[in-house]
Amino acid sequence: SLASAERKATLTYVLIVVAVVILLLLVTLVFIGLRRRVLQPLAALNEASHRIGRGEQVEPITPLRHDEIGELAEAMDWMVNELARRQREQRIGWARLEAVIDISNEAILSINEQGRIVLFNKGAEVIFGYSAGEMLGEPFERLMPERLAAGHAAHLRRFAEGPYRSQVMQDRGPICGRRKDGAVFPAEASISKMQVNDQLLFTVILRDITERHRAEAAQMG
């Protein structure tokens, strides 16, 4: 009858609605599970990779899974530990280098491509009479007599563009340094270049040979 047909239609409609609701719940549960098991771990790994790329400290990543994402986490954890190990070794290496530089009696200076001093060791402080604080960021020409300072930039540019990584600076004639009080003294020096973090740095090792000249003059006199 008509009433029976209406009841069947209504029941069918209700069953369809219930089925759709159940399907939506299942989809929601699957999405939540996917988010917890896949999306969140991937987001954490992505954030860790970006922090590593920025050179920031990253806590070790402990893998809690045994699938592909767990393997990825293990690989990331190994990379974090390896990076930390290399950073420790680099810090130790720099500390040793700084110790050697500090105890040297010779002046050791580093200058950037703009000719500004970025390293000025204790030997340089003794020889030139300036403190490191006075010279960092200053042009290297401040430590040279005017007759040598005038052509220094051109010499530095030719060395930067040349094939040699180091050379003795006396190759272009006797050199002299100028102390804080204006006194000029004879010197021996060598220069080397090295690429550091996309920046070309030049390191000068200079020795005051005033006493040697005096001894030679005394022998000749």
N, C-alpha and C. Protein backbone atom coordinates (compact mmCIF):
# COMPACT_ATOMS: atom_id res chain seq x y z
N SER A 1 0.84 -1.20 0.00
CA SER A 1 0.00 0.00 0.00
C SER A 1 0.88 1.25 0.00
N LEU A 2 0.18 2.43 -0.08
CA LEU A 2 0.91 3.70 -0.14
C LEU A 2 1.65 3.98 1.16
N ALA A 3 1.00 3.67 2.29
CA ALA A 3 1.64 3.90 3.59
C ALA A 3 2.86 3.03 3.77
N SER A 4 2.77 1.78 3.32
CA SER A 4 3.92 0.87 3.42
C SER A 4 5.07 1.35 2.56
N ALA A 5 4.78 1.88 1.39
CA ALA A 5 5.81 2.39 0.49
C ALA A 5 6.49 3.61 1.10
N GLU A 6 5.71 4.47 1.78
CA GLU A 6 6.28 5.66 2.41
C GLU A 6 7.21 5.27 3.57
N ARG A 7 6.76 4.26 4.36
CA ARG A 7 7.62 3.81 5.46
C ARG A 7 8.93 3.25 4.94
N LYS A 8 8.87 2.47 3.84
CA LYS A 8 10.09 1.92 3.26
C LYS A 8 11.01 3.04 2.75
N ALA A 9 10.40 4.05 2.13
CA ALA A 9 11.21 5.17 1.61
C ALA A 9 11.88 5.93 2.75
N THR A 10 11.09 6.14 3.82
CA THR A 10 11.64 6.85 4.99
C THR A 10 12.77 6.06 5.63
N LEU A 11 12.59 4.74 5.74
CA LEU A 11 13.62 3.88 6.33
C LEU A 11 14.88 3.90 5.48
N THR A 12 14.67 3.85 4.17
CA THR A 12 15.83 3.89 3.27
C THR A 12 16.59 5.19 3.42
N TYR A 13 15.85 6.30 3.51
CA TYR A 13 16.47 7.61 3.68
C TYR A 13 17.28 7.68 4.97
N VAL A 14 16.68 7.16 6.06
CA VAL A 14 17.36 7.15 7.36
C VAL A 14 18.63 6.32 7.30
N LEU A 15 18.54 5.16 6.65
CA LEU A 15 19.72 4.30 6.52
C LEU A 15 20.82 4.98 5.73
N ILE A 16 20.43 5.69 4.68
CA ILE A 16 21.43 6.41 3.88
C ILE A 16 22.10 7.49 4.71
N VAL A 17 21.29 8.26 5.47
CA VAL A 17 21.86 9.32 6.33
C VAL A 17 22.80 8.72 7.35
N VAL A 18 22.39 7.62 7.99
CA VAL A 18 23.24 6.97 8.98
C VAL A 18 24.54 6.49 8.34
N ALA A 19 24.41 5.91 7.14
CA ALA A 19 25.61 5.42 6.44
C ALA A 19 26.56 6.57 6.13
N VAL A 20 26.01 7.70 5.69
CA VAL A 20 26.85 8.88 5.38
C VAL A 20 27.54 9.39 6.64
N VAL A 21 26.78 9.46 7.76
CA VAL A 21 27.35 9.92 9.02
C VAL A 21 28.49 9.00 9.46
N ILE A 22 28.23 7.67 9.37
CA ILE A 22 29.26 6.71 9.76
C ILE A 22 30.50 6.87 8.87
N LEU A 23 30.26 7.07 7.56
CA LEU A 23 31.38 7.25 6.63
C LEU A 23 32.18 8.49 6.98
N LEU A 24 31.48 9.59 7.30
CA LEU A 24 32.16 10.82 7.68
C LEU A 24 32.97 10.63 8.96
N LEU A 25 32.41 9.90 9.92
CA LEU A 25 33.14 9.62 11.15
C LEU A 25 34.39 8.81 10.88
N LEU A 26 34.24 7.80 10.00
CA LEU A 26 35.41 6.98 9.66
C LEU A 26 36.48 7.81 8.98
N VAL A 27 36.06 8.69 8.04
CA VAL A 27 37.02 9.55 7.35
C VAL A 27 37.73 10.46 8.35
N THR A 28 36.94 11.00 9.30
CA THR A 28 37.52 11.88 10.33
C THR A 28 38.53 11.13 11.18
N LEU A 29 38.18 9.91 11.58
CA LEU A 29 39.09 9.11 12.40
C LEU A 29 40.36 8.76 11.64
N VAL A 30 40.18 8.42 10.36
CA VAL A 30 41.35 8.10 9.53
C VAL A 30 42.24 9.32 9.39
N PHE A 31 41.63 10.50 9.19
CA PHE A 31 42.43 11.73 9.05
C PHE A 31 43.19 12.04 10.33
N ILE A 32 42.48 11.87 11.49
CA ILE A 32 43.15 12.12 12.77
C ILE A 32 44.31 11.16 12.97
N GLY A 33 44.07 9.90 12.64
CA GLY A 33 45.14 8.92 12.77
C GLY A 33 46.28 9.21 11.82
N LEU A 34 45.94 9.60 10.59
CA LEU A 34 46.97 9.95 9.61
C LEU A 34 47.77 11.16 10.08
N ARG A 35 47.06 12.11 10.65
CA ARG A 35 47.74 13.32 11.13
C ARG A 35 48.72 12.99 12.25
N ARG A 36 48.27 12.14 13.17
CA ARG A 36 49.14 11.79 14.29
C ARG A 36 50.31 10.92 13.86
N ARG A 37 50.05 10.00 12.95
CA ARG A 37 51.07 9.01 12.59
C ARG A 37 51.98 9.48 11.46
N VAL A 38 51.48 10.37 10.59
CA VAL A 38 52.26 10.75 9.42
C VAL A 38 52.53 12.24 9.36
N LEU A 39 51.47 13.03 9.38
CA LEU A 39 51.64 14.45 9.14
C LEU A 39 52.43 15.14 10.25
N GLN A 40 52.10 14.87 11.51
CA GLN A 40 52.83 15.50 12.60
C GLN A 40 54.30 15.11 12.64
N PRO A 41 54.64 13.80 12.51
CA PRO A 41 56.06 13.45 12.46
C PRO A 41 56.79 14.09 11.29
N LEU A 42 56.12 14.15 10.12
CA LEU A 42 56.75 14.78 8.97
C LEU A 42 56.97 16.27 9.20
N ALA A 43 55.97 16.92 9.85
CA ALA A 43 56.12 18.34 10.15
C ALA A 43 57.28 18.58 11.12
N ALA A 44 57.43 17.68 12.10
CA ALA A 44 58.54 17.80 13.05
C ALA A 44 59.88 17.63 12.36
N LEU A 45 59.96 16.65 11.46
CA LEU A 45 61.20 16.43 10.71
C LEU A 45 61.50 17.61 9.80
N ASN A 46 60.46 18.18 9.21
CA ASN A 46 60.65 19.34 8.33
C ASN A 46 61.17 20.53 9.12
N GLU A 47 60.60 20.76 10.30
CA GLU A 47 61.06 21.85 11.15
C GLU A 47 62.51 21.64 11.59
N ALA A 48 62.84 20.40 11.93
CA ALA A 48 64.22 20.10 12.33
C ALA A 48 65.19 20.34 11.20
N SER A 49 64.81 19.97 9.98
CA SER A 49 65.70 20.17 8.83
C SER A 49 65.93 21.65 8.57
N HIS A 50 64.87 22.47 8.74
CA HIS A 50 65.01 23.91 8.55
C HIS A 50 65.92 24.52 9.62
N ARG A 51 65.80 24.03 10.85
CA ARG A 51 66.65 24.55 11.93
C ARG A 51 68.10 24.18 11.69
N ILE A 52 68.33 22.96 11.19
CA ILE A 52 69.70 22.55 10.86
C ILE A 52 70.25 23.44 9.77
N GLY A 53 69.42 23.73 8.76
CA GLY A 53 69.86 24.59 7.67
C GLY A 53 70.21 25.99 8.13
N ARG A 54 69.53 26.47 9.19
CA ARG A 54 69.83 27.81 9.73
C ARG A 54 70.98 27.78 10.73
N GLY A 55 71.53 26.58 10.98
CA GLY A 55 72.65 26.47 11.91
C GLY A 55 72.25 26.51 13.36
N GLU A 56 70.95 26.26 13.66
CA GLU A 56 70.48 26.30 15.03
C GLU A 56 70.67 24.96 15.71
N GLN A 57 70.66 24.99 17.05
CA GLN A 57 70.78 23.77 17.83
C GLN A 57 69.50 22.94 17.71
N VAL A 58 69.64 21.66 17.47
CA VAL A 58 68.49 20.77 17.32
C VAL A 58 68.63 19.62 18.30
N GLU A 59 67.56 19.36 19.05
CA GLU A 59 67.58 18.24 19.98
C GLU A 59 67.56 16.92 19.20
N PRO A 60 68.21 15.88 19.71
CA PRO A 60 68.17 14.58 19.02
C PRO A 60 66.73 14.11 18.81
N ILE A 61 66.50 13.52 17.66
CA ILE A 61 65.16 13.05 17.31
C ILE A 61 65.09 11.56 17.61
N THR A 62 64.23 11.19 18.55
CA THR A 62 64.12 9.78 18.93
C THR A 62 63.03 9.11 18.12
N PRO A 63 63.39 8.18 17.23
CA PRO A 63 62.35 7.51 16.44
C PRO A 63 61.53 6.54 17.30
N LEU A 64 60.19 6.66 17.19
CA LEU A 64 59.30 5.79 17.95
C LEU A 64 58.56 4.82 17.04
N ARG A 65 58.93 4.79 15.78
CA ARG A 65 58.21 3.96 14.82
C ARG A 65 59.19 3.08 14.07
N HIS A 66 58.64 2.09 13.40
CA HIS A 66 59.48 1.13 12.69
C HIS A 66 59.09 1.05 11.22
N ASP A 67 58.51 2.12 10.69
CA ASP A 67 58.16 2.16 9.28
C ASP A 67 59.08 3.14 8.56
N GLU A 68 58.67 3.59 7.36
CA GLU A 68 59.51 4.49 6.58
C GLU A 68 59.77 5.81 7.30
N ILE A 69 58.74 6.32 7.99
CA ILE A 69 58.93 7.57 8.72
C ILE A 69 59.90 7.37 9.88
N GLY A 70 59.85 6.22 10.53
CA GLY A 70 60.80 5.91 11.59
C GLY A 70 62.23 5.87 11.05
N GLU A 71 62.40 5.29 9.86
CA GLU A 71 63.73 5.25 9.24
C GLU A 71 64.21 6.65 8.90
N LEU A 72 63.26 7.49 8.43
CA LEU A 72 63.62 8.87 8.14
C LEU A 72 64.05 9.61 9.40
N ALA A 73 63.33 9.36 10.49
CA ALA A 73 63.68 9.98 11.77
C ALA A 73 65.07 9.51 12.25
N GLU A 74 65.36 8.21 12.06
CA GLU A 74 66.68 7.69 12.43
C GLU A 74 67.78 8.37 11.61
N ALA A 75 67.52 8.55 10.31
CA ALA A 75 68.51 9.22 9.45
C ALA A 75 68.71 10.67 9.89
N MET A 76 67.61 11.35 10.23
CA MET A 76 67.71 12.73 10.69
C MET A 76 68.45 12.79 12.03
N ASP A 77 68.19 11.84 12.90
CA ASP A 77 68.86 11.79 14.20
C ASP A 77 70.36 11.60 14.02
N TRP A 78 70.74 10.72 13.09
CA TRP A 78 72.17 10.51 12.81
C TRP A 78 72.80 11.80 12.29
N MET A 79 72.08 12.51 11.42
CA MET A 79 72.61 13.75 10.86
C MET A 79 72.79 14.81 11.95
N VAL A 80 71.82 14.90 12.87
CA VAL A 80 71.92 15.86 13.97
C VAL A 80 73.13 15.54 14.84
N ASN A 81 73.31 14.27 15.19
CA ASN A 81 74.44 13.87 16.03
C ASN A 81 75.77 14.10 15.32
N GLU A 82 75.81 13.80 14.02
CA GLU A 82 77.05 14.00 13.25
C GLU A 82 77.38 15.47 13.14
N LEU A 83 76.36 16.30 12.92
CA LEU A 83 76.58 17.74 12.84
C LEU A 83 77.09 18.28 14.17
N ALA A 84 76.50 17.80 15.28
CA ALA A 84 76.95 18.24 16.60
C ALA A 84 78.40 17.84 16.86
N ARG A 85 78.75 16.62 16.43
CA ARG A 85 80.13 16.15 16.61
C ARG A 85 81.11 17.02 15.84
N ARG A 86 80.76 17.32 14.59
CA ARG A 86 81.65 18.14 13.77
C ARG A 86 81.77 19.56 14.30
N GLN A 87 80.67 20.09 14.84
CA GLN A 87 80.73 21.43 15.41
C GLN A 87 81.63 21.45 16.64
N ARG A 88 81.56 20.38 17.46
CA ARG A 88 82.45 20.30 18.62
C ARG A 88 83.90 20.24 18.18
N GLU A 89 84.18 19.41 17.17
CA GLU A 89 85.56 19.31 16.68
C GLU A 89 86.04 20.63 16.10
N GLN A 90 85.11 21.33 15.41
CA GLN A 90 85.49 22.63 14.84
C GLN A 90 85.81 23.64 15.93
N ARG A 91 84.98 23.63 17.01
CA ARG A 91 85.24 24.56 18.10
C ARG A 91 86.57 24.25 18.78
N ILE A 92 86.86 22.96 18.95
CA ILE A 92 88.14 22.58 19.56
C ILE A 92 89.29 23.01 18.66
N GLY A 93 89.13 22.80 17.34
CA GLY A 93 90.18 23.19 16.40
C GLY A 93 90.42 24.70 16.42
N TRP A 94 89.33 25.48 16.44
CA TRP A 94 89.49 26.94 16.50
C TRP A 94 90.13 27.36 17.81
N ALA A 95 89.77 26.70 18.90
CA ALA A 95 90.35 27.06 20.20
C ALA A 95 91.86 26.80 20.19
N ARG A 96 92.27 25.67 19.60
CA ARG A 96 93.70 25.38 19.52
C ARG A 96 94.41 26.39 18.63
N LEU A 97 93.77 26.73 17.50
CA LEU A 97 94.38 27.70 16.59
C LEU A 97 94.51 29.06 17.26
N GLU A 98 93.47 29.48 17.99
CA GLU A 98 93.53 30.76 18.68
C GLU A 98 94.64 30.77 19.73
N ALA A 99 94.84 29.61 20.40
CA ALA A 99 95.90 29.53 21.41
C ALA A 99 97.26 29.70 20.75
N VAL A 100 97.47 29.05 19.60
CA VAL A 100 98.74 29.17 18.88
C VAL A 100 98.95 30.60 18.41
N ILE A 101 97.89 31.21 17.89
CA ILE A 101 97.99 32.59 17.40
C ILE A 101 98.33 33.54 18.55
N ASP A 102 97.71 33.32 19.70
CA ASP A 102 97.91 34.23 20.82
C ASP A 102 99.31 34.17 21.40
N ILE A 103 99.94 32.99 21.39
CA ILE A 103 101.26 32.88 21.99
C ILE A 103 102.38 33.21 21.01
N SER A 104 102.05 33.45 19.76
CA SER A 104 103.07 33.75 18.76
C SER A 104 103.68 35.13 19.02
N ASN A 105 104.99 35.23 18.88
CA ASN A 105 105.68 36.51 19.01
C ASN A 105 105.58 37.34 17.73
N GLU A 106 105.18 36.69 16.65
CA GLU A 106 105.03 37.40 15.39
C GLU A 106 103.64 38.02 15.31
N ALA A 107 103.53 39.06 14.53
CA ALA A 107 102.22 39.67 14.31
C ALA A 107 101.45 38.81 13.32
N ILE A 108 100.25 38.40 13.71
CA ILE A 108 99.38 37.64 12.82
C ILE A 108 98.09 38.44 12.68
N LEU A 109 97.79 38.82 11.45
CA LEU A 109 96.62 39.63 11.18
C LEU A 109 95.83 39.01 10.04
N SER A 110 94.52 39.13 10.11
CA SER A 110 93.67 38.73 9.00
C SER A 110 92.89 39.95 8.54
N ILE A 111 92.75 40.09 7.24
CA ILE A 111 91.99 41.20 6.67
C ILE A 111 91.00 40.64 5.66
N ASN A 112 89.87 41.32 5.52
CA ASN A 112 88.85 40.87 4.57
C ASN A 112 89.10 41.47 3.19
N GLU A 113 88.18 41.21 2.27
CA GLU A 113 88.35 41.68 0.90
C GLU A 113 88.33 43.20 0.80
N GLN A 114 87.75 43.86 1.79
CA GLN A 114 87.71 45.32 1.79
C GLN A 114 88.97 45.91 2.42
N GLY A 115 89.91 45.05 2.83
CA GLY A 115 91.15 45.54 3.42
C GLY A 115 91.02 45.92 4.88
N ARG A 116 89.92 45.46 5.55
CA ARG A 116 89.72 45.78 6.96
C ARG A 116 90.23 44.64 7.84
N ILE A 117 90.82 45.00 8.96
CA ILE A 117 91.41 44.01 9.86
C ILE A 117 90.30 43.30 10.65
N VAL A 118 90.33 41.97 10.63
CA VAL A 118 89.33 41.17 11.36
C VAL A 118 89.99 40.30 12.43
N LEU A 119 91.31 40.22 12.43
CA LEU A 119 92.04 39.49 13.48
C LEU A 119 93.34 40.23 13.75
N PHE A 120 93.66 40.41 15.03
CA PHE A 120 94.86 41.15 15.43
C PHE A 120 95.37 40.51 16.71
N ASN A 121 96.41 39.69 16.60
CA ASN A 121 96.83 38.89 17.75
C ASN A 121 97.70 39.69 18.73
N LYS A 122 98.09 39.04 19.82
CA LYS A 122 98.88 39.71 20.86
C LYS A 122 100.26 40.10 20.33
N GLY A 123 100.82 39.27 19.45
CA GLY A 123 102.11 39.63 18.86
C GLY A 123 102.01 40.93 18.07
N ALA A 124 100.91 41.12 17.37
CA ALA A 124 100.69 42.37 16.63
C ALA A 124 100.54 43.55 17.59
N GLU A 125 99.88 43.31 18.73
CA GLU A 125 99.74 44.38 19.72
C GLU A 125 101.11 44.84 20.22
N VAL A 126 101.99 43.87 20.46
CA VAL A 126 103.32 44.20 20.97
C VAL A 126 104.14 44.94 19.91
N ILE A 127 104.11 44.43 18.69
CA ILE A 127 104.94 45.00 17.62
C ILE A 127 104.46 46.39 17.21
N PHE A 128 103.15 46.55 17.04
CA PHE A 128 102.64 47.82 16.51
C PHE A 128 102.22 48.81 17.60
N GLY A 129 101.99 48.33 18.82
CA GLY A 129 101.62 49.24 19.89
C GLY A 129 100.13 49.54 19.99
N TYR A 130 99.33 48.95 19.12
CA TYR A 130 97.88 49.11 19.19
C TYR A 130 97.26 47.91 19.91
N SER A 131 96.11 48.12 20.54
CA SER A 131 95.36 47.00 21.07
C SER A 131 94.49 46.44 19.95
N ALA A 132 94.04 45.20 20.11
CA ALA A 132 93.15 44.60 19.12
C ALA A 132 91.87 45.41 18.97
N GLY A 133 91.36 45.93 20.10
CA GLY A 133 90.15 46.73 20.04
C GLY A 133 90.31 47.99 19.20
N GLU A 134 91.52 48.55 19.17
CA GLU A 134 91.77 49.75 18.38
C GLU A 134 91.84 49.44 16.89
N MET A 135 92.24 48.22 16.53
CA MET A 135 92.54 47.93 15.13
C MET A 135 91.48 47.11 14.41
N LEU A 136 90.65 46.37 15.13
CA LEU A 136 89.63 45.57 14.45
C LEU A 136 88.67 46.49 13.70
N GLY A 137 88.50 46.19 12.42
CA GLY A 137 87.65 47.01 11.56
C GLY A 137 88.37 48.15 10.87
N GLU A 138 89.62 48.39 11.25
CA GLU A 138 90.40 49.47 10.66
C GLU A 138 91.10 49.00 9.39
N PRO A 139 91.43 49.93 8.48
CA PRO A 139 92.16 49.54 7.26
C PRO A 139 93.59 49.11 7.58
N PHE A 140 94.05 48.10 6.86
CA PHE A 140 95.39 47.58 7.08
C PHE A 140 96.45 48.64 6.82
N GLU A 141 96.13 49.62 5.98
CA GLU A 141 97.10 50.66 5.62
C GLU A 141 97.56 51.48 6.83
N ARG A 142 96.79 51.46 7.92
CA ARG A 142 97.20 52.20 9.11
C ARG A 142 98.52 51.68 9.68
N LEU A 143 98.85 50.45 9.35
CA LEU A 143 100.07 49.83 9.88
C LEU A 143 101.25 49.94 8.91
N MET A 144 101.08 50.73 7.86
CA MET A 144 102.11 50.83 6.84
C MET A 144 102.54 52.29 6.65
N PRO A 145 103.80 52.52 6.28
CA PRO A 145 104.21 53.88 5.91
C PRO A 145 103.43 54.34 4.68
N GLU A 146 103.28 55.64 4.54
CA GLU A 146 102.46 56.18 3.45
C GLU A 146 102.97 55.73 2.08
N ARG A 147 104.27 55.63 1.91
CA ARG A 147 104.81 55.26 0.59
C ARG A 147 104.43 53.85 0.19
N LEU A 148 104.18 52.98 1.17
CA LEU A 148 103.75 51.61 0.88
C LEU A 148 102.23 51.49 0.87
N ALA A 149 101.57 52.28 1.71
CA ALA A 149 100.12 52.19 1.82
C ALA A 149 99.43 52.58 0.51
N ALA A 150 100.03 53.49 -0.23
CA ALA A 150 99.39 53.99 -1.45
C ALA A 150 99.11 52.89 -2.46
N GLY A 151 100.02 51.93 -2.58
CA GLY A 151 99.84 50.87 -3.58
C GLY A 151 99.35 49.55 -3.01
N HIS A 152 99.02 49.55 -1.72
CA HIS A 152 98.65 48.29 -1.08
C HIS A 152 97.38 47.67 -1.67
N ALA A 153 96.36 48.48 -1.90
CA ALA A 153 95.08 47.95 -2.41
C ALA A 153 95.27 47.25 -3.75
N ALA A 154 96.10 47.85 -4.62
CA ALA A 154 96.34 47.24 -5.93
C ALA A 154 97.11 45.92 -5.80
N HIS A 155 98.10 45.88 -4.90
CA HIS A 155 98.84 44.64 -4.67
C HIS A 155 97.92 43.55 -4.12
N LEU A 156 97.03 43.92 -3.19
CA LEU A 156 96.12 42.95 -2.60
C LEU A 156 95.17 42.39 -3.65
N ARG A 157 94.69 43.26 -4.53
CA ARG A 157 93.77 42.82 -5.58
C ARG A 157 94.45 41.86 -6.56
N ARG A 158 95.70 42.17 -6.92
CA ARG A 158 96.42 41.27 -7.84
C ARG A 158 96.67 39.91 -7.19
N PHE A 159 97.00 39.93 -5.89
CA PHE A 159 97.21 38.66 -5.20
C PHE A 159 95.91 37.87 -5.11
N ALA A 160 94.81 38.54 -4.85
CA ALA A 160 93.50 37.87 -4.75
C ALA A 160 93.14 37.20 -6.08
N GLU A 161 93.45 37.84 -7.18
CA GLU A 161 93.09 37.31 -8.50
C GLU A 161 94.14 36.35 -9.05
N GLY A 162 95.30 36.28 -8.42
CA GLY A 162 96.39 35.44 -8.92
C GLY A 162 96.23 33.98 -8.54
N PRO A 163 97.11 33.12 -9.09
CA PRO A 163 96.98 31.68 -8.86
C PRO A 163 97.58 31.18 -7.55
N TYR A 164 98.42 32.00 -6.89
CA TYR A 164 99.14 31.52 -5.71
C TYR A 164 98.32 31.75 -4.45
N ARG A 165 98.37 30.76 -3.54
CA ARG A 165 97.65 30.86 -2.28
C ARG A 165 98.45 31.60 -1.20
N SER A 166 99.76 31.70 -1.41
CA SER A 166 100.58 32.44 -0.45
C SER A 166 101.81 32.98 -1.17
N GLN A 167 102.40 33.99 -0.59
CA GLN A 167 103.63 34.54 -1.16
C GLN A 167 104.35 35.37 -0.11
N VAL A 168 105.65 35.55 -0.33
CA VAL A 168 106.47 36.39 0.55
C VAL A 168 106.31 37.83 0.08
N MET A 169 106.00 38.73 0.99
CA MET A 169 105.71 40.10 0.60
C MET A 169 106.95 40.88 0.17
N GLN A 170 108.13 40.37 0.54
CA GLN A 170 109.36 41.04 0.11
C GLN A 170 109.62 40.88 -1.37
N ASP A 171 108.79 40.08 -2.05
CA ASP A 171 108.98 39.89 -3.49
C ASP A 171 108.92 41.20 -4.25
N ARG A 172 108.19 42.17 -3.71
CA ARG A 172 108.11 43.47 -4.39
C ARG A 172 109.01 44.52 -3.73
N GLY A 173 109.98 44.06 -2.94
CA GLY A 173 110.93 44.98 -2.33
C GLY A 173 110.84 44.98 -0.82
N PRO A 174 111.81 45.63 -0.13
CA PRO A 174 111.81 45.68 1.32
C PRO A 174 110.50 46.30 1.83
N ILE A 175 110.01 45.77 2.93
CA ILE A 175 108.79 46.30 3.51
C ILE A 175 109.06 46.83 4.91
N CYS A 176 108.18 47.71 5.35
CA CYS A 176 108.29 48.30 6.67
C CYS A 176 106.92 48.37 7.30
N GLY A 177 106.89 48.40 8.62
CA GLY A 177 105.66 48.62 9.35
C GLY A 177 105.70 49.97 10.03
N ARG A 178 104.55 50.44 10.47
CA ARG A 178 104.48 51.73 11.19
C ARG A 178 103.78 51.51 12.52
N ARG A 179 104.45 51.87 13.60
CA ARG A 179 103.90 51.68 14.92
C ARG A 179 102.90 52.81 15.26
N LYS A 180 102.24 52.63 16.40
CA LYS A 180 101.25 53.61 16.84
C LYS A 180 101.86 54.99 17.02
N ASP A 181 103.13 55.04 17.48
CA ASP A 181 103.79 56.32 17.70
C ASP A 181 104.36 56.92 16.42
N GLY A 182 104.12 56.24 15.29
CA GLY A 182 104.58 56.75 14.01
C GLY A 182 105.94 56.22 13.58
N ALA A 183 106.64 55.51 14.46
CA ALA A 183 107.96 54.98 14.13
C ALA A 183 107.83 53.91 13.05
N VAL A 184 108.75 53.96 12.09
CA VAL A 184 108.77 52.99 11.00
C VAL A 184 109.88 51.98 11.28
N PHE A 185 109.60 50.70 11.07
CA PHE A 185 110.58 49.65 11.35
C PHE A 185 110.62 48.66 10.19
N PRO A 186 111.80 48.03 9.98
CA PRO A 186 111.91 47.02 8.92
C PRO A 186 111.21 45.73 9.31
N ALA A 187 110.69 45.03 8.33
CA ALA A 187 109.92 43.82 8.64
C ALA A 187 110.05 42.79 7.54
N GLU A 188 109.76 41.56 7.90
CA GLU A 188 109.57 40.46 6.95
C GLU A 188 108.13 40.01 7.08
N ALA A 189 107.53 39.67 5.97
CA ALA A 189 106.12 39.28 6.04
C ALA A 189 105.76 38.35 4.91
N SER A 190 104.76 37.53 5.16
CA SER A 190 104.18 36.67 4.13
C SER A 190 102.67 36.83 4.21
N ILE A 191 102.02 36.54 3.10
CA ILE A 191 100.56 36.67 3.04
C ILE A 191 99.97 35.43 2.40
N SER A 192 98.82 35.01 2.88
CA SER A 192 98.11 33.86 2.31
C SER A 192 96.64 34.23 2.19
N LYS A 193 95.92 33.47 1.38
CA LYS A 193 94.49 33.74 1.19
C LYS A 193 93.71 32.45 1.37
N MET A 194 92.48 32.59 1.85
CA MET A 194 91.64 31.43 2.11
C MET A 194 90.17 31.85 2.02
N GLN A 195 89.37 30.98 1.41
CA GLN A 195 87.94 31.24 1.29
C GLN A 195 87.24 30.72 2.55
N VAL A 196 86.53 31.59 3.25
CA VAL A 196 85.82 31.22 4.47
C VAL A 196 84.39 31.75 4.38
N ASN A 197 83.42 30.83 4.27
CA ASN A 197 82.01 31.22 4.23
C ASN A 197 81.74 32.30 3.18
N ASP A 198 82.14 32.02 1.95
CA ASP A 198 81.91 32.94 0.83
C ASP A 198 82.64 34.26 0.97
N GLN A 199 83.59 34.33 1.87
CA GLN A 199 84.38 35.55 2.07
C GLN A 199 85.85 35.20 1.91
N LEU A 200 86.55 35.97 1.09
CA LEU A 200 87.98 35.76 0.90
C LEU A 200 88.72 36.51 2.00
N LEU A 201 89.51 35.77 2.78
CA LEU A 201 90.28 36.36 3.86
C LEU A 201 91.77 36.25 3.56
N PHE A 202 92.51 37.26 3.96
CA PHE A 202 93.96 37.28 3.79
C PHE A 202 94.60 37.29 5.17
N THR A 203 95.60 36.44 5.36
CA THR A 203 96.30 36.40 6.64
C THR A 203 97.75 36.81 6.42
N VAL A 204 98.19 37.78 7.20
CA VAL A 204 99.55 38.29 7.12
C VAL A 204 100.30 37.88 8.38
N ILE A 205 101.48 37.30 8.20
CA ILE A 205 102.37 36.99 9.32
C ILE A 205 103.59 37.88 9.17
N LEU A 206 103.82 38.73 10.16
CA LEU A 206 104.86 39.77 10.05
C LEU A 206 105.82 39.67 11.23
N ARG A 207 107.10 39.85 10.93
CA ARG A 207 108.15 39.80 11.95
C ARG A 207 108.93 41.11 11.95
N ASP A 208 109.13 41.68 13.12
CA ASP A 208 109.95 42.89 13.27
C ASP A 208 111.42 42.46 13.23
N ILE A 209 112.17 42.99 12.26
CA ILE A 209 113.58 42.59 12.11
C ILE A 209 114.53 43.76 12.46
N THR A 210 114.06 44.65 13.31
CA THR A 210 114.88 45.79 13.71
C THR A 210 116.19 45.33 14.35
N GLU A 211 116.12 44.37 15.28
CA GLU A 211 117.31 43.90 15.98
C GLU A 211 118.28 43.23 15.03
N ARG A 212 117.76 42.52 14.05
CA ARG A 212 118.65 41.88 13.07
C ARG A 212 119.41 42.94 12.28
N HIS A 213 118.74 44.00 11.88
CA HIS A 213 119.40 45.07 11.13
C HIS A 213 120.47 45.74 11.99
N ARG A 214 120.16 45.92 13.27
CA ARG A 214 121.15 46.54 14.16
C ARG A 214 122.38 45.65 14.31
N ALA A 215 122.16 44.35 14.44
CA ALA A 215 123.29 43.42 14.57
C ALA A 215 124.12 43.40 13.29
N GLU A 216 123.45 43.42 12.16
CA GLU A 216 124.19 43.43 10.89
C GLU A 216 124.97 44.71 10.72
N ALA A 217 124.36 45.83 11.14
CA ALA A 217 125.04 47.11 11.03
C ALA A 217 126.25 47.14 11.97
N ALA A 218 126.11 46.53 13.16
CA ALA A 218 127.23 46.50 14.11
C ALA A 218 128.38 45.66 13.58
N GLN A 219 128.06 44.56 12.91
CA GLN A 219 129.10 43.70 12.35
C GLN A 219 129.84 44.41 11.22
N MET A 220 129.09 45.16 10.46
CA MET A 220 129.71 45.89 9.34
C MET A 220 130.49 47.10 9.80
N GLY A 221 130.06 47.68 10.95
CA GLY A 221 130.71 48.89 11.44
C GLY A 221 131.96 48.60 12.24
